[in-house]
Amino acid sequence: MNINISLIGQIITFLILVWFVNRYLWGPLTQMMADRSRRIADGLAAAERGRHELLRAESRVQELLDKAKA
């Protein structure tokens, strides 16, 4: 196998690319995805709380209407 200077240059360039992607792209990208996932989970939890509050309010309104009719 003939290893020449071009192959060594390509290996070095590839390693620099891997380091650059790992340092400047992968970390921030995974952080943004985690933040987005957390925001989505918070939004879904807030929607669920809102739905429960709506059900409680509707039952309270029905109780008041029944009381007013009686």
N, C-alpha and C. Protein backbone atom coordinates (compact mmCIF):
# COMPACT_ATOMS: atom_id res chain seq x y z
N MET A 1 0.86 -1.18 0.00
CA MET A 1 0.00 0.00 0.00
C MET A 1 0.90 1.23 0.00
N ASN A 2 0.59 2.10 -0.89
CA ASN A 2 1.40 3.29 -1.07
C ASN A 2 0.72 4.48 -0.39
N ILE A 3 1.24 4.92 0.75
CA ILE A 3 0.70 6.07 1.47
C ILE A 3 1.51 7.29 1.03
N ASN A 4 0.85 8.21 0.38
CA ASN A 4 1.55 9.41 -0.06
C ASN A 4 1.08 10.62 0.73
N ILE A 5 1.65 11.75 0.41
CA ILE A 5 1.38 12.99 1.15
C ILE A 5 -0.07 13.44 0.97
N SER A 6 -0.69 13.13 -0.16
CA SER A 6 -2.08 13.51 -0.41
C SER A 6 -3.02 12.80 0.57
N LEU A 7 -2.79 11.53 0.81
CA LEU A 7 -3.63 10.78 1.75
C LEU A 7 -3.47 11.32 3.16
N ILE A 8 -2.27 11.64 3.55
CA ILE A 8 -2.02 12.22 4.88
C ILE A 8 -2.73 13.56 5.01
N GLY A 9 -2.68 14.37 3.95
CA GLY A 9 -3.38 15.67 3.95
C GLY A 9 -4.88 15.50 4.08
N GLN A 10 -5.44 14.52 3.39
CA GLN A 10 -6.87 14.26 3.48
C GLN A 10 -7.27 13.80 4.88
N ILE A 11 -6.44 12.96 5.48
CA ILE A 11 -6.72 12.50 6.85
C ILE A 11 -6.70 13.67 7.82
N ILE A 12 -5.70 14.53 7.69
CA ILE A 12 -5.59 15.70 8.57
C ILE A 12 -6.79 16.62 8.37
N THR A 13 -7.16 16.87 7.11
CA THR A 13 -8.30 17.73 6.82
C THR A 13 -9.59 17.13 7.39
N PHE A 14 -9.76 15.84 7.25
CA PHE A 14 -10.95 15.18 7.80
C PHE A 14 -10.99 15.29 9.31
N LEU A 15 -9.86 15.10 9.97
CA LEU A 15 -9.83 15.21 11.43
C LEU A 15 -10.13 16.63 11.88
N ILE A 16 -9.65 17.62 11.14
CA ILE A 16 -9.96 19.02 11.46
C ILE A 16 -11.46 19.26 11.29
N LEU A 17 -12.04 18.71 10.23
CA LEU A 17 -13.48 18.85 10.01
C LEU A 17 -14.28 18.20 11.14
N VAL A 18 -13.89 17.02 11.56
CA VAL A 18 -14.58 16.33 12.66
C VAL A 18 -14.47 17.15 13.94
N TRP A 19 -13.30 17.68 14.23
CA TRP A 19 -13.12 18.51 15.43
C TRP A 19 -14.00 19.75 15.35
N PHE A 20 -14.02 20.43 14.18
CA PHE A 20 -14.81 21.64 14.02
C PHE A 20 -16.30 21.36 14.21
N VAL A 21 -16.79 20.31 13.58
CA VAL A 21 -18.21 19.97 13.70
C VAL A 21 -18.55 19.63 15.15
N ASN A 22 -17.70 18.87 15.79
CA ASN A 22 -17.94 18.47 17.17
C ASN A 22 -17.93 19.68 18.10
N ARG A 23 -17.02 20.58 17.88
CA ARG A 23 -16.86 21.72 18.78
C ARG A 23 -17.91 22.80 18.56
N TYR A 24 -18.15 23.19 17.31
CA TYR A 24 -18.97 24.36 17.03
C TYR A 24 -20.38 24.06 16.53
N LEU A 25 -20.64 22.86 16.08
CA LEU A 25 -21.97 22.57 15.55
C LEU A 25 -22.74 21.56 16.38
N TRP A 26 -22.13 20.46 16.73
CA TRP A 26 -22.84 19.37 17.40
C TRP A 26 -23.34 19.78 18.79
N GLY A 27 -22.49 20.40 19.58
CA GLY A 27 -22.89 20.81 20.93
C GLY A 27 -24.05 21.80 20.93
N PRO A 28 -23.93 22.92 20.20
CA PRO A 28 -25.05 23.85 20.17
C PRO A 28 -26.32 23.25 19.55
N LEU A 29 -26.15 22.40 18.56
CA LEU A 29 -27.31 21.79 17.93
C LEU A 29 -28.05 20.88 18.91
N THR A 30 -27.33 20.06 19.65
CA THR A 30 -27.99 19.19 20.62
C THR A 30 -28.62 20.01 21.75
N GLN A 31 -27.99 21.12 22.12
CA GLN A 31 -28.56 21.99 23.15
C GLN A 31 -29.86 22.62 22.67
N MET A 32 -29.88 23.08 21.41
CA MET A 32 -31.11 23.65 20.86
C MET A 32 -32.21 22.61 20.78
N MET A 33 -31.88 21.39 20.40
CA MET A 33 -32.90 20.34 20.33
C MET A 33 -33.44 20.01 21.72
N ALA A 34 -32.58 20.00 22.73
CA ALA A 34 -33.04 19.73 24.10
C ALA A 34 -33.94 20.85 24.59
N ASP A 35 -33.56 22.11 24.29
CA ASP A 35 -34.40 23.24 24.69
C ASP A 35 -35.76 23.18 24.01
N ARG A 36 -35.77 22.85 22.73
CA ARG A 36 -37.03 22.76 22.00
C ARG A 36 -37.89 21.64 22.56
N SER A 37 -37.29 20.53 22.86
CA SER A 37 -38.03 19.41 23.44
C SER A 37 -38.64 19.80 24.78
N ARG A 38 -37.88 20.54 25.58
CA ARG A 38 -38.38 20.99 26.88
C ARG A 38 -39.54 21.98 26.70
N ARG A 39 -39.42 22.90 25.73
CA ARG A 39 -40.51 23.86 25.48
C ARG A 39 -41.77 23.15 25.01
N ILE A 40 -41.61 22.15 24.16
CA ILE A 40 -42.77 21.39 23.69
C ILE A 40 -43.44 20.67 24.84
N ALA A 41 -42.65 20.04 25.70
CA ALA A 41 -43.21 19.33 26.86
C ALA A 41 -43.93 20.31 27.79
N ASP A 42 -43.34 21.49 28.01
CA ASP A 42 -43.99 22.50 28.85
C ASP A 42 -45.30 22.96 28.22
N GLY A 43 -45.31 23.15 26.91
CA GLY A 43 -46.52 23.56 26.22
C GLY A 43 -47.62 22.52 26.31
N LEU A 44 -47.25 21.26 26.16
CA LEU A 44 -48.25 20.19 26.28
C LEU A 44 -48.80 20.10 27.70
N ALA A 45 -47.93 20.29 28.69
CA ALA A 45 -48.39 20.27 30.08
C ALA A 45 -49.33 21.44 30.35
N ALA A 46 -49.00 22.62 29.81
CA ALA A 46 -49.86 23.78 29.99
C ALA A 46 -51.22 23.57 29.32
N ALA A 47 -51.21 22.95 28.16
CA ALA A 47 -52.48 22.67 27.47
C ALA A 47 -53.32 21.69 28.28
N GLU A 48 -52.69 20.71 28.86
CA GLU A 48 -53.42 19.74 29.69
C GLU A 48 -54.00 20.42 30.93
N ARG A 49 -53.21 21.30 31.57
CA ARG A 49 -53.73 22.04 32.72
C ARG A 49 -54.91 22.92 32.32
N GLY A 50 -54.79 23.56 31.16
CA GLY A 50 -55.88 24.40 30.67
C GLY A 50 -57.14 23.61 30.41
N ARG A 51 -56.98 22.40 29.87
CA ARG A 51 -58.14 21.55 29.61
C ARG A 51 -58.82 21.16 30.92
N HIS A 52 -58.03 20.84 31.94
CA HIS A 52 -58.62 20.49 33.24
C HIS A 52 -59.31 21.70 33.86
N GLU A 53 -58.73 22.87 33.73
CA GLU A 53 -59.36 24.07 34.27
C GLU A 53 -60.66 24.36 33.54
N LEU A 54 -60.69 24.14 32.24
CA LEU A 54 -61.91 24.35 31.47
C LEU A 54 -63.00 23.39 31.92
N LEU A 55 -62.65 22.14 32.14
CA LEU A 55 -63.64 21.17 32.61
C LEU A 55 -64.19 21.55 33.98
N ARG A 56 -63.30 22.02 34.87
CA ARG A 56 -63.76 22.46 36.19
C ARG A 56 -64.67 23.67 36.08
N ALA A 57 -64.31 24.60 35.21
CA ALA A 57 -65.13 25.80 35.04
C ALA A 57 -66.49 25.45 34.45
N GLU A 58 -66.51 24.53 33.49
CA GLU A 58 -67.79 24.13 32.90
C GLU A 58 -68.68 23.44 33.93
N SER A 59 -68.10 22.61 34.77
CA SER A 59 -68.91 21.95 35.80
C SER A 59 -69.40 22.97 36.82
N ARG A 60 -68.58 23.95 37.13
CA ARG A 60 -68.99 25.00 38.07
C ARG A 60 -70.13 25.83 37.48
N VAL A 61 -70.05 26.14 36.20
CA VAL A 61 -71.12 26.90 35.54
C VAL A 61 -72.40 26.09 35.56
N GLN A 62 -72.30 24.80 35.28
CA GLN A 62 -73.49 23.94 35.28
C GLN A 62 -74.11 23.89 36.68
N GLU A 63 -73.27 23.81 37.71
CA GLU A 63 -73.79 23.82 39.09
C GLU A 63 -74.52 25.13 39.38
N LEU A 64 -73.93 26.25 38.97
CA LEU A 64 -74.57 27.54 39.21
C LEU A 64 -75.87 27.67 38.44
N LEU A 65 -75.91 27.17 37.21
CA LEU A 65 -77.15 27.22 36.44
C LEU A 65 -78.23 26.35 37.08
N ASP A 66 -77.85 25.17 37.52
CA ASP A 66 -78.82 24.30 38.18
C ASP A 66 -79.33 24.93 39.47
N LYS A 67 -78.43 25.58 40.20
CA LYS A 67 -78.82 26.24 41.45
C LYS A 67 -79.74 27.42 41.16
N ALA A 68 -79.47 28.16 40.09
CA ALA A 68 -80.29 29.32 39.75
C ALA A 68 -81.68 28.89 39.28
N LYS A 69 -81.77 27.75 38.61
CA LYS A 69 -83.06 27.26 38.13
C LYS A 69 -83.92 26.72 39.26
N ALA A 70 -83.29 26.27 40.33
CA ALA A 70 -84.04 25.64 41.42
C ALA A 70 -84.64 26.65 42.37
